[in-house]
Amino acid sequence: TKTTYKLAGMTDKDGKQVANIEVATEVTMEAAEAEGD
């Protein structure tokens, strides 16, 4: 799983300025070597 974080500016949360970080993930599968049956 590769997760990419992106700073998307500051935003107000309960009267405080906090960093808004966008998140995107990409999943890949890699097969295991066959064992037995």
PDB file of all heavy atoms in Angstrom:
ATOM      1  N   THR A   1       0.843  -1.189   0.000  1.00  0.00           N
ATOM      2  CA  THR A   1       0.000   0.000   0.000  1.00  0.00           C
ATOM      3  C   THR A   1       0.880   1.242   0.000  1.00  0.00           C
ATOM      4  O   THR A   1       1.690   1.437   0.920  1.00  0.00           O
ATOM      5  CB  THR A   1      -0.924   0.029   1.231  1.00  0.00           C
ATOM      6  OG1 THR A   1      -1.715  -1.161   1.269  1.00  0.00           O
ATOM      7  CG2 THR A   1      -1.849   1.239   1.178  1.00  0.00           C
ATOM      8  N   LYS A   2       0.742   2.053  -1.040  1.00  0.00           N
ATOM      9  CA  LYS A   2       1.470   3.325  -1.106  1.00  0.00           C
ATOM     10  C   LYS A   2       0.491   4.449  -0.784  1.00  0.00           C
ATOM     11  O   LYS A   2      -0.518   4.626  -1.459  1.00  0.00           O
ATOM     12  CB  LYS A   2       2.073   3.542  -2.495  1.00  0.00           C
ATOM     13  CG  LYS A   2       2.881   4.845  -2.583  1.00  0.00           C
ATOM     14  CD  LYS A   2       3.554   5.014  -3.927  1.00  0.00           C
ATOM     15  CE  LYS A   2       2.575   5.442  -4.992  1.00  0.00           C
ATOM     16  NZ  LYS A   2       3.246   5.797  -6.264  1.00  0.00           N
ATOM     17  N   THR A   3       0.783   5.184   0.271  1.00  0.00           N
ATOM     18  CA  THR A   3      -0.070   6.302   0.681  1.00  0.00           C
ATOM     19  C   THR A   3       0.631   7.606   0.355  1.00  0.00           C
ATOM     20  O   THR A   3       1.794   7.810   0.730  1.00  0.00           O
ATOM     21  CB  THR A   3      -0.373   6.236   2.188  1.00  0.00           C
ATOM     22  OG1 THR A   3      -0.948   4.960   2.508  1.00  0.00           O
ATOM     23  CG2 THR A   3      -1.355   7.330   2.582  1.00  0.00           C
ATOM     24  N   THR A   4      -0.056   8.463  -0.373  1.00  0.00           N
ATOM     25  CA  THR A   4       0.488   9.772  -0.747  1.00  0.00           C
ATOM     26  C   THR A   4      -0.233  10.858   0.033  1.00  0.00           C
ATOM     27  O   THR A   4      -1.469  10.902   0.054  1.00  0.00           O
ATOM     28  CB  THR A   4       0.328  10.031  -2.251  1.00  0.00           C
ATOM     29  OG1 THR A   4       0.987   8.993  -2.990  1.00  0.00           O
ATOM     30  CG2 THR A   4       0.938  11.373  -2.642  1.00  0.00           C
ATOM     31  N   TYR A   5       0.549  11.711   0.692  1.00  0.00           N
ATOM     32  CA  TYR A   5       0.001  12.814   1.479  1.00  0.00           C
ATOM     33  C   TYR A   5       0.293  14.132   0.744  1.00  0.00           C
ATOM     34  O   TYR A   5       1.393  14.320   0.216  1.00  0.00           O
ATOM     35  CB  TYR A   5       0.632  12.845   2.871  1.00  0.00           C
ATOM     36  CG  TYR A   5       0.441  11.562   3.649  1.00  0.00           C
ATOM     37  CD1 TYR A   5       1.380  10.528   3.553  1.00  0.00           C
ATOM     38  CD2 TYR A   5      -0.658  11.385   4.474  1.00  0.00           C
ATOM     39  CE1 TYR A   5       1.211   9.352   4.267  1.00  0.00           C
ATOM     40  CE2 TYR A   5      -0.829  10.203   5.194  1.00  0.00           C
ATOM     41  CZ  TYR A   5       0.099   9.193   5.079  1.00  0.00           C
ATOM     42  OH  TYR A   5      -0.064   8.021   5.772  1.00  0.00           O
ATOM     43  N   LYS A   6      -0.682  15.021   0.745  1.00  0.00           N
ATOM     44  CA  LYS A   6      -0.520  16.311   0.053  1.00  0.00           C
ATOM     45  C   LYS A   6      -1.004  17.437   0.953  1.00  0.00           C
ATOM     46  O   LYS A   6      -2.134  17.406   1.446  1.00  0.00           O
ATOM     47  CB  LYS A   6      -1.320  16.312  -1.252  1.00  0.00           C
ATOM     48  CG  LYS A   6      -1.259  17.632  -2.016  1.00  0.00           C
ATOM     49  CD  LYS A   6      -2.110  17.563  -3.282  1.00  0.00           C
ATOM     50  CE  LYS A   6      -2.111  18.870  -4.034  1.00  0.00           C
ATOM     51  NZ  LYS A   6      -2.956  18.808  -5.251  1.00  0.00           N
ATOM     52  N   LEU A   7      -0.132  18.421   1.181  1.00  0.00           N
ATOM     53  CA  LEU A   7      -0.522  19.575   1.979  1.00  0.00           C
ATOM     54  C   LEU A   7      -1.440  20.461   1.149  1.00  0.00           C
ATOM     55  O   LEU A   7      -1.048  20.972   0.090  1.00  0.00           O
ATOM     56  CB  LEU A   7       0.714  20.358   2.435  1.00  0.00           C
ATOM     57  CG  LEU A   7       0.437  21.582   3.313  1.00  0.00           C
ATOM     58  CD1 LEU A   7      -0.281  21.179   4.597  1.00  0.00           C
ATOM     59  CD2 LEU A   7       1.729  22.316   3.639  1.00  0.00           C
ATOM     60  N   ALA A   8      -2.683  20.624   1.630  1.00  0.00           N
ATOM     61  CA  ALA A   8      -3.686  21.395   0.883  1.00  0.00           C
ATOM     62  C   ALA A   8      -4.060  22.666   1.637  1.00  0.00           C
ATOM     63  O   ALA A   8      -5.237  23.032   1.725  1.00  0.00           O
ATOM     64  CB  ALA A   8      -4.922  20.534   0.630  1.00  0.00           C
ATOM     65  N   GLY A   9      -3.062  23.327   2.187  1.00  0.00           N
ATOM     66  CA  GLY A   9      -3.302  24.608   2.837  1.00  0.00           C
ATOM     67  C   GLY A   9      -3.762  24.471   4.274  1.00  0.00           C
ATOM     68  O   GLY A   9      -3.794  23.386   4.856  1.00  0.00           O
ATOM     69  N   MET A  10      -4.117  25.604   4.851  1.00  0.00           N
ATOM     70  CA  MET A  10      -4.602  25.660   6.227  1.00  0.00           C
ATOM     71  C   MET A  10      -6.118  25.835   6.223  1.00  0.00           C
ATOM     72  O   MET A  10      -6.690  26.410   5.303  1.00  0.00           O
ATOM     73  CB  MET A  10      -3.941  26.819   6.979  1.00  0.00           C
ATOM     74  CG  MET A  10      -2.421  26.789   6.965  1.00  0.00           C
ATOM     75  SD  MET A  10      -1.722  25.384   7.871  1.00  0.00           S
ATOM     76  CE  MET A  10      -2.030  25.917   9.562  1.00  0.00           C
ATOM     77  N   THR A  11      -6.747  25.317   7.273  1.00  0.00           N
ATOM     78  CA  THR A  11      -8.192  25.442   7.386  1.00  0.00           C
ATOM     79  C   THR A  11      -8.546  25.682   8.842  1.00  0.00           C
ATOM     80  O   THR A  11      -7.766  25.383   9.753  1.00  0.00           O
ATOM     81  CB  THR A  11      -8.910  24.180   6.864  1.00  0.00           C
ATOM     82  OG1 THR A  11     -10.323  24.403   6.842  1.00  0.00           O
ATOM     83  CG2 THR A  11      -8.617  22.972   7.743  1.00  0.00           C
ATOM     84  N   ASP A  12      -9.753  26.236   9.066  1.00  0.00           N
ATOM     85  CA  ASP A  12     -10.187  26.531  10.427  1.00  0.00           C
ATOM     86  C   ASP A  12     -10.848  25.313  11.053  1.00  0.00           C
ATOM     87  O   ASP A  12     -11.695  24.665  10.441  1.00  0.00           O
ATOM     88  CB  ASP A  12     -11.173  27.707  10.434  1.00  0.00           C
ATOM     89  CG  ASP A  12     -11.621  28.056  11.834  1.00  0.00           C
ATOM     90  OD1 ASP A  12     -10.888  28.790  12.523  1.00  0.00           O
ATOM     91  OD2 ASP A  12     -12.699  27.578  12.262  1.00  0.00           O
ATOM     92  N   LYS A  13     -10.458  24.976  12.279  1.00  0.00           N
ATOM     93  CA  LYS A  13     -11.065  23.893  13.040  1.00  0.00           C
ATOM     94  C   LYS A  13     -11.231  24.365  14.477  1.00  0.00           C
ATOM     95  O   LYS A  13     -10.250  24.543  15.195  1.00  0.00           O
ATOM     96  CB  LYS A  13     -10.190  22.632  12.965  1.00  0.00           C
ATOM     97  CG  LYS A  13     -10.707  21.463  13.803  1.00  0.00           C
ATOM     98  CD  LYS A  13     -12.071  20.964  13.324  1.00  0.00           C
ATOM     99  CE  LYS A  13     -12.517  19.770  14.131  1.00  0.00           C
ATOM    100  NZ  LYS A  13     -13.865  19.286  13.718  1.00  0.00           N
ATOM    101  N   ASP A  14     -12.491  24.610  14.852  1.00  0.00           N
ATOM    102  CA  ASP A  14     -12.797  25.070  16.213  1.00  0.00           C
ATOM    103  C   ASP A  14     -12.018  26.328  16.576  1.00  0.00           C
ATOM    104  O   ASP A  14     -11.473  26.453  17.695  1.00  0.00           O
ATOM    105  CB  ASP A  14     -12.509  23.960  17.239  1.00  0.00           C
ATOM    106  CG  ASP A  14     -13.360  22.713  16.992  1.00  0.00           C
ATOM    107  OD1 ASP A  14     -14.488  22.862  16.487  1.00  0.00           O
ATOM    108  OD2 ASP A  14     -12.887  21.604  17.299  1.00  0.00           O
ATOM    109  N   GLY A  15     -11.916  27.223  15.605  1.00  0.00           N
ATOM    110  CA  GLY A  15     -11.260  28.503  15.858  1.00  0.00           C
ATOM    111  C   GLY A  15      -9.754  28.497  15.751  1.00  0.00           C
ATOM    112  O   GLY A  15      -9.106  29.512  16.012  1.00  0.00           O
ATOM    113  N   LYS A  16      -9.168  27.353  15.352  1.00  0.00           N
ATOM    114  CA  LYS A  16      -7.715  27.268  15.201  1.00  0.00           C
ATOM    115  C   LYS A  16      -7.360  26.955  13.757  1.00  0.00           C
ATOM    116  O   LYS A  16      -8.099  26.246  13.075  1.00  0.00           O
ATOM    117  CB  LYS A  16      -7.141  26.185  16.120  1.00  0.00           C
ATOM    118  CG  LYS A  16      -7.322  26.443  17.600  1.00  0.00           C
ATOM    119  CD  LYS A  16      -6.654  25.363  18.422  1.00  0.00           C
ATOM    120  CE  LYS A  16      -5.147  25.397  18.286  1.00  0.00           C
ATOM    121  NZ  LYS A  16      -4.472  24.417  19.157  1.00  0.00           N
ATOM    122  N   GLN A  17      -6.230  27.466  13.301  1.00  0.00           N
ATOM    123  CA  GLN A  17      -5.737  27.159  11.964  1.00  0.00           C
ATOM    124  C   GLN A  17      -4.918  25.870  12.006  1.00  0.00           C
ATOM    125  O   GLN A  17      -3.918  25.773  12.716  1.00  0.00           O
ATOM    126  CB  GLN A  17      -4.871  28.312  11.433  1.00  0.00           C
ATOM    127  CG  GLN A  17      -5.668  29.548  11.049  1.00  0.00           C
ATOM    128  CD  GLN A  17      -6.544  29.276   9.828  1.00  0.00           C
ATOM    129  OE1 GLN A  17      -6.067  28.951   8.751  1.00  0.00           O
ATOM    130  NE2 GLN A  17      -7.857  29.405  10.001  1.00  0.00           N
ATOM    131  N   VAL A  18      -5.380  24.872  11.257  1.00  0.00           N
ATOM    132  CA  VAL A  18      -4.691  23.576  11.222  1.00  0.00           C
ATOM    133  C   VAL A  18      -4.368  23.215   9.776  1.00  0.00           C
ATOM    134  O   VAL A  18      -5.002  23.707   8.836  1.00  0.00           O
ATOM    135  CB  VAL A  18      -5.559  22.466  11.871  1.00  0.00           C
ATOM    136  CG1 VAL A  18      -5.787  22.761  13.334  1.00  0.00           C
ATOM    137  CG2 VAL A  18      -6.886  22.308  11.137  1.00  0.00           C
ATOM    138  N   ALA A  19      -3.368  22.363   9.603  1.00  0.00           N
ATOM    139  CA  ALA A  19      -2.958  21.931   8.264  1.00  0.00           C
ATOM    140  C   ALA A  19      -3.944  20.894   7.740  1.00  0.00           C
ATOM    141  O   ALA A  19      -4.275  19.928   8.429  1.00  0.00           O
ATOM    142  CB  ALA A  19      -1.562  21.346   8.316  1.00  0.00           C
ATOM    143  N   ASN A  20      -4.414  21.109   6.508  1.00  0.00           N
ATOM    144  CA  ASN A  20      -5.317  20.162   5.847  1.00  0.00           C
ATOM    145  C   ASN A  20      -4.477  19.296   4.910  1.00  0.00           C
ATOM    146  O   ASN A  20      -3.908  19.784   3.936  1.00  0.00           O
ATOM    147  CB  ASN A  20      -6.392  20.913   5.064  1.00  0.00           C
ATOM    148  CG  ASN A  20      -7.362  19.972   4.382  1.00  0.00           C
ATOM    149  OD1 ASN A  20      -7.580  18.861   4.855  1.00  0.00           O
ATOM    150  ND2 ASN A  20      -7.944  20.404   3.285  1.00  0.00           N
ATOM    151  N   ILE A  21      -4.394  18.011   5.222  1.00  0.00           N
ATOM    152  CA  ILE A  21      -3.546  17.099   4.457  1.00  0.00           C
ATOM    153  C   ILE A  21      -4.431  16.084   3.740  1.00  0.00           C
ATOM    154  O   ILE A  21      -5.160  15.321   4.377  1.00  0.00           O
ATOM    155  CB  ILE A  21      -2.546  16.372   5.384  1.00  0.00           C
ATOM    156  CG1 ILE A  21      -1.661  17.406   6.090  1.00  0.00           C
ATOM    157  CG2 ILE A  21      -1.700  15.378   4.598  1.00  0.00           C
ATOM    158  CD1 ILE A  21      -0.810  16.828   7.199  1.00  0.00           C
ATOM    159  N   GLU A  22      -4.394  16.102   2.403  1.00  0.00           N
ATOM    160  CA  GLU A  22      -5.178  15.159   1.614  1.00  0.00           C
ATOM    161  C   GLU A  22      -4.439  13.825   1.523  1.00  0.00           C
ATOM    162  O   GLU A  22      -3.207  13.791   1.448  1.00  0.00           O
ATOM    163  CB  GLU A  22      -5.433  15.713   0.210  1.00  0.00           C
ATOM    164  CG  GLU A  22      -6.283  16.984   0.218  1.00  0.00           C
ATOM    165  CD  GLU A  22      -6.472  17.568  -1.169  1.00  0.00           C
ATOM    166  OE1 GLU A  22      -5.785  17.098  -2.114  1.00  0.00           O
ATOM    167  OE2 GLU A  22      -7.288  18.495  -1.313  1.00  0.00           O
ATOM    168  N   VAL A  23      -5.210  12.735   1.529  1.00  0.00           N
ATOM    169  CA  VAL A  23      -4.624  11.395   1.543  1.00  0.00           C
ATOM    170  C   VAL A  23      -5.159  10.578   0.369  1.00  0.00           C
ATOM    171  O   VAL A  23      -6.364  10.553   0.124  1.00  0.00           O
ATOM    172  CB  VAL A  23      -4.955  10.664   2.855  1.00  0.00           C
ATOM    173  CG1 VAL A  23      -4.290   9.294   2.890  1.00  0.00           C
ATOM    174  CG2 VAL A  23      -4.516  11.489   4.058  1.00  0.00           C
ATOM    175  N   ALA A  24      -4.258   9.906  -0.341  1.00  0.00           N
ATOM    176  CA  ALA A  24      -4.648   8.997  -1.429  1.00  0.00           C
ATOM    177  C   ALA A  24      -3.818   7.729  -1.305  1.00  0.00           C
ATOM    178  O   ALA A  24      -2.622   7.785  -1.002  1.00  0.00           O
ATOM    179  CB  ALA A  24      -4.421   9.649  -2.791  1.00  0.00           C
ATOM    180  N   THR A  25      -4.444   6.579  -1.520  1.00  0.00           N
ATOM    181  CA  THR A  25      -3.708   5.311  -1.407  1.00  0.00           C
ATOM    182  C   THR A  25      -3.827   4.503  -2.688  1.00  0.00           C
ATOM    183  O   THR A  25      -4.820   4.594  -3.413  1.00  0.00           O
ATOM    184  CB  THR A  25      -4.230   4.450  -0.237  1.00  0.00           C
ATOM    185  OG1 THR A  25      -5.629   4.172  -0.443  1.00  0.00           O
ATOM    186  CG2 THR A  25      -4.061   5.165   1.078  1.00  0.00           C
ATOM    187  N   GLU A  26      -2.804   3.712  -2.953  1.00  0.00           N
ATOM    188  CA  GLU A  26      -2.780   2.803  -4.106  1.00  0.00           C
ATOM    189  C   GLU A  26      -2.292   1.442  -3.628  1.00  0.00           C
ATOM    190  O   GLU A  26      -1.249   1.335  -2.989  1.00  0.00           O
ATOM    191  CB  GLU A  26      -1.852   3.331  -5.198  1.00  0.00           C
ATOM    192  CG  GLU A  26      -1.812   2.441  -6.431  1.00  0.00           C
ATOM    193  CD  GLU A  26      -0.857   2.959  -7.492  1.00  0.00           C
ATOM    194  OE1 GLU A  26      -0.197   4.000  -7.241  1.00  0.00           O
ATOM    195  OE2 GLU A  26      -0.758   2.321  -8.547  1.00  0.00           O
ATOM    196  N   VAL A  27      -3.073   0.402  -3.934  1.00  0.00           N
ATOM    197  CA  VAL A  27      -2.761  -0.949  -3.477  1.00  0.00           C
ATOM    198  C   VAL A  27      -2.296  -1.791  -4.660  1.00  0.00           C
ATOM    199  O   VAL A  27      -2.866  -1.725  -5.749  1.00  0.00           O
ATOM    200  CB  VAL A  27      -3.999  -1.615  -2.830  1.00  0.00           C
ATOM    201  CG1 VAL A  27      -3.679  -3.041  -2.387  1.00  0.00           C
ATOM    202  CG2 VAL A  27      -4.480  -0.789  -1.643  1.00  0.00           C
ATOM    203  N   THR A  28      -1.250  -2.586  -4.436  1.00  0.00           N
ATOM    204  CA  THR A  28      -0.795  -3.549  -5.448  1.00  0.00           C
ATOM    205  C   THR A  28      -0.610  -4.908  -4.768  1.00  0.00           C
ATOM    206  O   THR A  28      -0.305  -4.981  -3.574  1.00  0.00           O
ATOM    207  CB  THR A  28       0.540  -3.114  -6.094  1.00  0.00           C
ATOM    208  OG1 THR A  28       1.526  -2.928  -5.067  1.00  0.00           O
ATOM    209  CG2 THR A  28       0.369  -1.830  -6.892  1.00  0.00           C
ATOM    210  N   MET A  29      -0.793  -5.975  -5.548  1.00  0.00           N
ATOM    211  CA  MET A  29      -0.647  -7.329  -5.037  1.00  0.00           C
ATOM    212  C   MET A  29       0.532  -8.013  -5.707  1.00  0.00           C
ATOM    213  O   MET A  29       0.784  -7.816  -6.899  1.00  0.00           O
ATOM    214  CB  MET A  29      -1.917  -8.142  -5.301  1.00  0.00           C
ATOM    215  CG  MET A  29      -3.171  -7.611  -4.617  1.00  0.00           C
ATOM    216  SD  MET A  29      -3.146  -7.789  -2.830  1.00  0.00           S
ATOM    217  CE  MET A  29      -3.115  -9.581  -2.680  1.00  0.00           C
ATOM    218  N   GLU A  30       1.258  -8.794  -4.925  1.00  0.00           N
ATOM    219  CA  GLU A  30       2.359  -9.583  -5.468  1.00  0.00           C
ATOM    220  C   GLU A  30       2.156 -11.031  -5.060  1.00  0.00           C
ATOM    221  O   GLU A  30       2.040 -11.343  -3.865  1.00  0.00           O
ATOM    222  CB  GLU A  30       3.695  -9.062  -4.934  1.00  0.00           C
ATOM    223  CG  GLU A  30       4.891  -9.778  -5.528  1.00  0.00           C
ATOM    224  CD  GLU A  30       6.208  -9.165  -5.098  1.00  0.00           C
ATOM    225  OE1 GLU A  30       6.243  -7.956  -4.817  1.00  0.00           O
ATOM    226  OE2 GLU A  30       7.199  -9.917  -5.019  1.00  0.00           O
ATOM    227  N   ALA A  31       2.068 -11.918  -6.049  1.00  0.00           N
ATOM    228  CA  ALA A  31       1.776 -13.325  -5.776  1.00  0.00           C
ATOM    229  C   ALA A  31       2.937 -13.990  -5.052  1.00  0.00           C
ATOM    230  O   ALA A  31       4.102 -13.648  -5.254  1.00  0.00           O
ATOM    231  CB  ALA A  31       1.470 -14.060  -7.068  1.00  0.00           C
ATOM    232  N   ALA A  32       2.586 -14.970  -4.208  1.00  0.00           N
ATOM    233  CA  ALA A  32       3.607 -15.744  -3.501  1.00  0.00           C
ATOM    234  C   ALA A  32       4.031 -16.919  -4.365  1.00  0.00           C
ATOM    235  O   ALA A  32       3.299 -17.348  -5.270  1.00  0.00           O
ATOM    236  CB  ALA A  32       3.045 -16.250  -2.175  1.00  0.00           C
ATOM    237  N   GLU A  33       5.208 -17.422  -4.098  1.00  0.00           N
ATOM    238  CA  GLU A  33       5.651 -18.612  -4.814  1.00  0.00           C
ATOM    239  C   GLU A  33       4.832 -19.812  -4.357  1.00  0.00           C
ATOM    240  O   GLU A  33       4.590 -20.006  -3.164  1.00  0.00           O
ATOM    241  CB  GLU A  33       7.134 -18.866  -4.541  1.00  0.00           C
ATOM    242  CG  GLU A  33       8.057 -17.788  -5.106  1.00  0.00           C
ATOM    243  CD  GLU A  33       9.510 -18.117  -4.886  1.00  0.00           C
ATOM    244  OE1 GLU A  33       9.780 -19.244  -4.405  1.00  0.00           O
ATOM    245  OE2 GLU A  33      10.363 -17.270  -5.197  1.00  0.00           O
ATOM    246  N   ALA A  34       4.369 -20.606  -5.325  1.00  0.00           N
ATOM    247  CA  ALA A  34       3.518 -21.749  -5.011  1.00  0.00           C
ATOM    248  C   ALA A  34       4.271 -22.762  -4.158  1.00  0.00           C
ATOM    249  O   ALA A  34       5.433 -23.066  -4.419  1.00  0.00           O
ATOM    250  CB  ALA A  34       3.016 -22.412  -6.288  1.00  0.00           C
ATOM    251  N   GLU A  35       3.591 -23.242  -3.098  1.00  0.00           N
ATOM    252  CA  GLU A  35       4.174 -24.260  -2.227  1.00  0.00           C
ATOM    253  C   GLU A  35       3.248 -25.471  -2.187  1.00  0.00           C
ATOM    254  O   GLU A  35       2.090 -25.364  -1.813  1.00  0.00           O
ATOM    255  CB  GLU A  35       4.369 -23.699  -0.812  1.00  0.00           C
ATOM    256  CG  GLU A  35       5.365 -22.550  -0.744  1.00  0.00           C
ATOM    257  CD  GLU A  35       5.577 -22.080   0.679  1.00  0.00           C
ATOM    258  OE1 GLU A  35       5.035 -22.726   1.591  1.00  0.00           O
ATOM    259  OE2 GLU A  35       6.268 -21.068   0.875  1.00  0.00           O
ATOM    260  N   GLY A  36       3.749 -26.612  -2.588  1.00  0.00           N
ATOM    261  CA  GLY A  36       2.927 -27.830  -2.564  1.00  0.00           C
ATOM    262  C   GLY A  36       1.740 -27.709  -3.490  1.00  0.00           C
ATOM    263  O   GLY A  36       1.871 -27.290  -4.644  1.00  0.00           O
ATOM    264  N   ASP A  37       0.561 -28.079  -2.968  1.00  0.00           N
ATOM    265  CA  ASP A  37      -0.659 -28.051  -3.773  1.00  0.00           C
ATOM    266  C   ASP A  37      -1.419 -26.737  -3.651  1.00  0.00           C
ATOM    267  O   ASP A  37      -2.496 -26.586  -4.227  1.00  0.00           O
ATOM    268  CB  ASP A  37      -1.594 -29.203  -3.347  1.00  0.00           C
ATOM    269  CG  ASP A  37      -0.957 -30.566  -3.601  1.00  0.00           C
ATOM    270  OD1 ASP A  37      -0.155 -30.663  -4.557  1.00  0.00           O
ATOM    271  OD2 ASP A  37      -1.261 -31.507  -2.846  1.00  0.00           O
TER     272      ASP A  37
END
